[in-house]
Amino acid sequence: MPTEYNGDFPIRRGYYNSTTDRGYGYDKADHKHNLCNTRVIENVSLACGIPLYDEDGRLTFKDELYEIEYVDGKAHKTGKWVEIVVMVETDDLEGRPGDQMGLVTAYCSAWKGYPAVIPDEAGNTRRPAWVNNKPNLG
């Protein structure tokens, strides 16, 4: 497990195989969880402060993201929000010393103002459409 963390990690393209449910990186966040806004991923890791470590030594960042609507040019929170989870592996890529793996995945783990979380046909948790819209970030 790393002893120090500087807060910086790569968001690699990675891959996602839906048949085996294996993968990492941007492709896993996008294709499994439909979370494709890298600004959201970066903001969660910056806003979280001190990350949690899981049993594998991965960093886990969690933060709430609020839906914003604009009325007469002013931003207002709608009352809807999601909790975004970002998981980061700080260990080096296999065979590449000093080159950390980076983003493992990112997904929505909780929501307010929506029906109960219902996974898609493959069992993947999908995010509300506004999460990937840059103007709606709050």
C-alpha atoms as a PDB file:
ATOM      1  CA  MET A   1       0.000   0.000   0.000  1.00  0.00           C
ATOM      2  CA  PRO A   2       1.378   3.441  -0.851  1.00  0.00           C
ATOM      3  CA  THR A   3       2.586   5.559   2.036  1.00  0.00           C
ATOM      4  CA  GLU A   4       1.957   8.904   0.383  1.00  0.00           C
ATOM      5  CA  TYR A   5      -0.312  10.163  -2.355  1.00  0.00           C
ATOM      6  CA  ASN A   6       0.157  13.400  -4.290  1.00  0.00           C
ATOM      7  CA  GLY A   7      -3.425  13.579  -5.592  1.00  0.00           C
ATOM      8  CA  ASP A   8      -2.537  13.108  -9.244  1.00  0.00           C
ATOM      9  CA  PHE A   9      -3.473  10.040 -11.296  1.00  0.00           C
ATOM     10  CA  PRO A  10      -3.792   9.193 -14.981  1.00  0.00           C
ATOM     11  CA  ILE A  11      -7.135   8.489 -16.608  1.00  0.00           C
ATOM     12  CA  ARG A  12      -6.122   5.793 -19.057  1.00  0.00           C
ATOM     13  CA  ARG A  13      -8.429   4.522 -21.757  1.00  0.00           C
ATOM     14  CA  GLY A  14      -8.160   0.951 -20.427  1.00  0.00           C
ATOM     15  CA  TYR A  15     -10.829  -1.493 -21.593  1.00  0.00           C
ATOM     16  CA  TYR A  16     -14.115  -3.103 -20.572  1.00  0.00           C
ATOM     17  CA  ASN A  17     -15.310  -6.587 -21.511  1.00  0.00           C
ATOM     18  CA  SER A  18     -19.014  -6.946 -20.705  1.00  0.00           C
ATOM     19  CA  THR A  19     -18.908 -10.727 -21.142  1.00  0.00           C
ATOM     20  CA  THR A  20     -16.325 -11.196 -18.385  1.00  0.00           C
ATOM     21  CA  ASP A  21     -17.221  -7.969 -16.509  1.00  0.00           C
ATOM     22  CA  ARG A  22     -13.526  -7.120 -16.366  1.00  0.00           C
ATOM     23  CA  GLY A  23     -11.655  -3.963 -17.206  1.00  0.00           C
ATOM     24  CA  TYR A  24     -10.349  -0.658 -15.917  1.00  0.00           C
ATOM     25  CA  GLY A  25     -10.017   2.985 -16.790  1.00  0.00           C
ATOM     26  CA  TYR A  26     -12.157   5.315 -18.839  1.00  0.00           C
ATOM     27  CA  ASP A  27     -13.661   2.509 -20.937  1.00  0.00           C
ATOM     28  CA  LYS A  28     -14.951   0.724 -17.822  1.00  0.00           C
ATOM     29  CA  ALA A  29     -16.445   3.924 -16.345  1.00  0.00           C
ATOM     30  CA  ASP A  30     -18.043   4.764 -19.705  1.00  0.00           C
ATOM     31  CA  HIS A  31     -19.193   1.380 -21.025  1.00  0.00           C
ATOM     32  CA  LYS A  32     -20.232  -0.238 -17.742  1.00  0.00           C
ATOM     33  CA  HIS A  33     -21.542   2.782 -15.811  1.00  0.00           C
ATOM     34  CA  ASN A  34     -22.158   5.325 -18.606  1.00  0.00           C
ATOM     35  CA  LEU A  35     -20.014   7.915 -16.796  1.00  0.00           C
ATOM     36  CA  CYS A  36     -17.951   9.547 -19.538  1.00  0.00           C
ATOM     37  CA  ASN A  37     -17.304  13.064 -18.217  1.00  0.00           C
ATOM     38  CA  THR A  38     -13.642  13.155 -17.160  1.00  0.00           C
ATOM     39  CA  ARG A  39     -14.257  16.547 -15.527  1.00  0.00           C
ATOM     40  CA  VAL A  40     -16.627  14.831 -13.066  1.00  0.00           C
ATOM     41  CA  ILE A  41     -14.013  12.174 -12.300  1.00  0.00           C
ATOM     42  CA  GLU A  42     -11.277  14.771 -11.727  1.00  0.00           C
ATOM     43  CA  ASN A  43     -13.517  17.049  -9.642  1.00  0.00           C
ATOM     44  CA  VAL A  44     -14.591  14.219  -7.334  1.00  0.00           C
ATOM     45  CA  SER A  45     -10.994  13.271  -6.613  1.00  0.00           C
ATOM     46  CA  LEU A  46     -10.067  16.902  -5.926  1.00  0.00           C
ATOM     47  CA  ALA A  47     -13.148  17.739  -3.816  1.00  0.00           C
ATOM     48  CA  CYS A  48     -13.020  14.580  -1.714  1.00  0.00           C
ATOM     49  CA  GLY A  49      -9.968  15.535   0.295  1.00  0.00           C
ATOM     50  CA  ILE A  50      -8.576  12.444   1.995  1.00  0.00           C
ATOM     51  CA  PRO A  51      -9.421   9.259   0.098  1.00  0.00           C
ATOM     52  CA  LEU A  52     -10.220   5.924   1.704  1.00  0.00           C
ATOM     53  CA  TYR A  53      -8.068   2.866   1.063  1.00  0.00           C
ATOM     54  CA  ASP A  54      -9.793  -0.430   0.299  1.00  0.00           C
ATOM     55  CA  GLU A  55      -8.449  -3.868   1.199  1.00  0.00           C
ATOM     56  CA  ASP A  56      -6.441  -3.981  -2.052  1.00  0.00           C
ATOM     57  CA  GLY A  57      -4.725  -0.644  -1.363  1.00  0.00           C
ATOM     58  CA  ARG A  58      -6.772   1.229  -3.940  1.00  0.00           C
ATOM     59  CA  LEU A  59      -7.863   4.786  -3.274  1.00  0.00           C
ATOM     60  CA  THR A  60     -11.586   5.462  -3.164  1.00  0.00           C
ATOM     61  CA  PHE A  61     -12.901   8.998  -3.543  1.00  0.00           C
ATOM     62  CA  LYS A  62     -16.553   9.861  -2.884  1.00  0.00           C
ATOM     63  CA  ASP A  63     -18.371  13.137  -3.355  1.00  0.00           C
ATOM     64  CA  GLU A  64     -21.874  14.377  -4.062  1.00  0.00           C
ATOM     65  CA  LEU A  65     -22.685  16.012  -7.383  1.00  0.00           C
ATOM     66  CA  TYR A  66     -25.759  18.240  -7.539  1.00  0.00           C
ATOM     67  CA  GLU A  67     -27.910  18.863 -10.588  1.00  0.00           C
ATOM     68  CA  ILE A  68     -28.000  22.553 -11.481  1.00  0.00           C
ATOM     69  CA  GLU A  69     -30.628  24.370 -13.530  1.00  0.00           C
ATOM     70  CA  TYR A  70     -30.461  27.945 -14.741  1.00  0.00           C
ATOM     71  CA  VAL A  71     -33.376  30.334 -14.247  1.00  0.00           C
ATOM     72  CA  ASP A  72     -33.005  33.878 -15.549  1.00  0.00           C
ATOM     73  CA  GLY A  73     -29.275  33.321 -15.883  1.00  0.00           C
ATOM     74  CA  LYS A  74     -28.831  32.218 -12.256  1.00  0.00           C
ATOM     75  CA  ALA A  75     -27.775  28.731 -11.175  1.00  0.00           C
ATOM     76  CA  HIS A  76     -30.034  26.848  -8.761  1.00  0.00           C
ATOM     77  CA  LYS A  77     -29.739  23.356  -7.300  1.00  0.00           C
ATOM     78  CA  THR A  78     -32.728  21.207  -8.303  1.00  0.00           C
ATOM     79  CA  GLY A  79     -32.570  19.056  -5.157  1.00  0.00           C
ATOM     80  CA  LYS A  80     -31.390  16.040  -7.167  1.00  0.00           C
ATOM     81  CA  TRP A  81     -27.927  14.663  -6.514  1.00  0.00           C
ATOM     82  CA  VAL A  82     -25.781  11.591  -6.995  1.00  0.00           C
ATOM     83  CA  GLU A  83     -22.851  10.256  -5.029  1.00  0.00           C
ATOM     84  CA  ILE A  84     -19.957   9.600  -7.393  1.00  0.00           C
ATOM     85  CA  VAL A  85     -17.351   6.995  -6.464  1.00  0.00           C
ATOM     86  CA  VAL A  86     -13.928   7.123  -8.140  1.00  0.00           C
ATOM     87  CA  MET A  87     -11.495   4.232  -7.602  1.00  0.00           C
ATOM     88  CA  VAL A  88      -7.781   4.708  -8.314  1.00  0.00           C
ATOM     89  CA  GLU A  89      -4.935   2.193  -8.328  1.00  0.00           C
ATOM     90  CA  THR A  90      -1.645   3.839  -7.326  1.00  0.00           C
ATOM     91  CA  ASP A  91       0.486   0.741  -7.902  1.00  0.00           C
ATOM     92  CA  ASP A  92       2.580   0.615 -11.061  1.00  0.00           C
ATOM     93  CA  LEU A  93       1.312  -0.990 -14.245  1.00  0.00           C
ATOM     94  CA  GLU A  94       2.749  -4.459 -14.703  1.00  0.00           C
ATOM     95  CA  GLY A  95       6.164  -4.167 -16.340  1.00  0.00           C
ATOM     96  CA  ARG A  96       6.175  -0.354 -16.179  1.00  0.00           C
ATOM     97  CA  PRO A  97       7.901   0.797 -12.975  1.00  0.00           C
ATOM     98  CA  GLY A  98       7.035   4.360 -11.958  1.00  0.00           C
ATOM     99  CA  ASP A  99       3.949   4.417 -14.198  1.00  0.00           C
ATOM    100  CA  GLN A 100       0.866   4.036 -12.007  1.00  0.00           C
ATOM    101  CA  MET A 101      -2.296   2.375 -13.290  1.00  0.00           C
ATOM    102  CA  GLY A 102      -4.556   5.312 -12.357  1.00  0.00           C
ATOM    103  CA  LEU A 103      -8.338   5.247 -12.765  1.00  0.00           C
ATOM    104  CA  VAL A 104      -9.886   1.822 -12.151  1.00  0.00           C
ATOM    105  CA  THR A 105     -13.523   2.903 -12.500  1.00  0.00           C
ATOM    106  CA  ALA A 106     -16.057   5.579 -11.600  1.00  0.00           C
ATOM    107  CA  TYR A 107     -19.783   5.192 -10.960  1.00  0.00           C
ATOM    108  CA  CYS A 108     -22.850   6.595  -9.204  1.00  0.00           C
ATOM    109  CA  SER A 109     -23.511   4.805  -5.917  1.00  0.00           C
ATOM    110  CA  ALA A 110     -26.512   6.717  -4.547  1.00  0.00           C
ATOM    111  CA  TRP A 111     -29.076   9.168  -5.798  1.00  0.00           C
ATOM    112  CA  LYS A 112     -31.667  11.534  -4.423  1.00  0.00           C
ATOM    113  CA  GLY A 113     -34.717  12.685  -6.319  1.00  0.00           C
ATOM    114  CA  TYR A 114     -34.824   9.588  -8.518  1.00  0.00           C
ATOM    115  CA  PRO A 115     -36.579   6.237  -8.302  1.00  0.00           C
ATOM    116  CA  ALA A 116     -34.644   3.448  -6.590  1.00  0.00           C
ATOM    117  CA  VAL A 117     -31.473   2.545  -8.462  1.00  0.00           C
ATOM    118  CA  ILE A 118     -32.450  -0.013 -11.079  1.00  0.00           C
ATOM    119  CA  PRO A 119     -29.550  -1.698 -12.861  1.00  0.00           C
ATOM    120  CA  ASP A 120     -29.700  -2.123 -16.638  1.00  0.00           C
ATOM    121  CA  GLU A 121     -30.185  -5.530 -18.318  1.00  0.00           C
ATOM    122  CA  ALA A 122     -26.545  -6.463 -17.652  1.00  0.00           C
ATOM    123  CA  GLY A 123     -26.759  -5.486 -13.952  1.00  0.00           C
ATOM    124  CA  ASN A 124     -24.707  -2.296 -14.398  1.00  0.00           C
ATOM    125  CA  THR A 125     -25.568   0.826 -12.407  1.00  0.00           C
ATOM    126  CA  ARG A 126     -26.231   3.655 -14.847  1.00  0.00           C
ATOM    127  CA  ARG A 127     -26.068   7.340 -14.040  1.00  0.00           C
ATOM    128  CA  PRO A 128     -28.714  10.026 -14.708  1.00  0.00           C
ATOM    129  CA  ALA A 129     -28.241  11.830 -18.040  1.00  0.00           C
ATOM    130  CA  TRP A 130     -27.353  15.213 -16.498  1.00  0.00           C
ATOM    131  CA  VAL A 131     -24.191  13.872 -14.811  1.00  0.00           C
ATOM    132  CA  ASN A 132     -22.282  13.946 -18.099  1.00  0.00           C
ATOM    133  CA  ASN A 133     -23.478  17.466 -18.999  1.00  0.00           C
ATOM    134  CA  LYS A 134     -20.781  20.021 -18.127  1.00  0.00           C
ATOM    135  CA  PRO A 135     -23.207  22.964 -17.612  1.00  0.00           C
ATOM    136  CA  ASN A 136     -25.070  21.017 -14.906  1.00  0.00           C
ATOM    137  CA  LEU A 137     -22.118  20.453 -12.597  1.00  0.00           C
ATOM    138  CA  GLY A 138     -22.450  21.890  -9.138  1.00  0.00           C
END
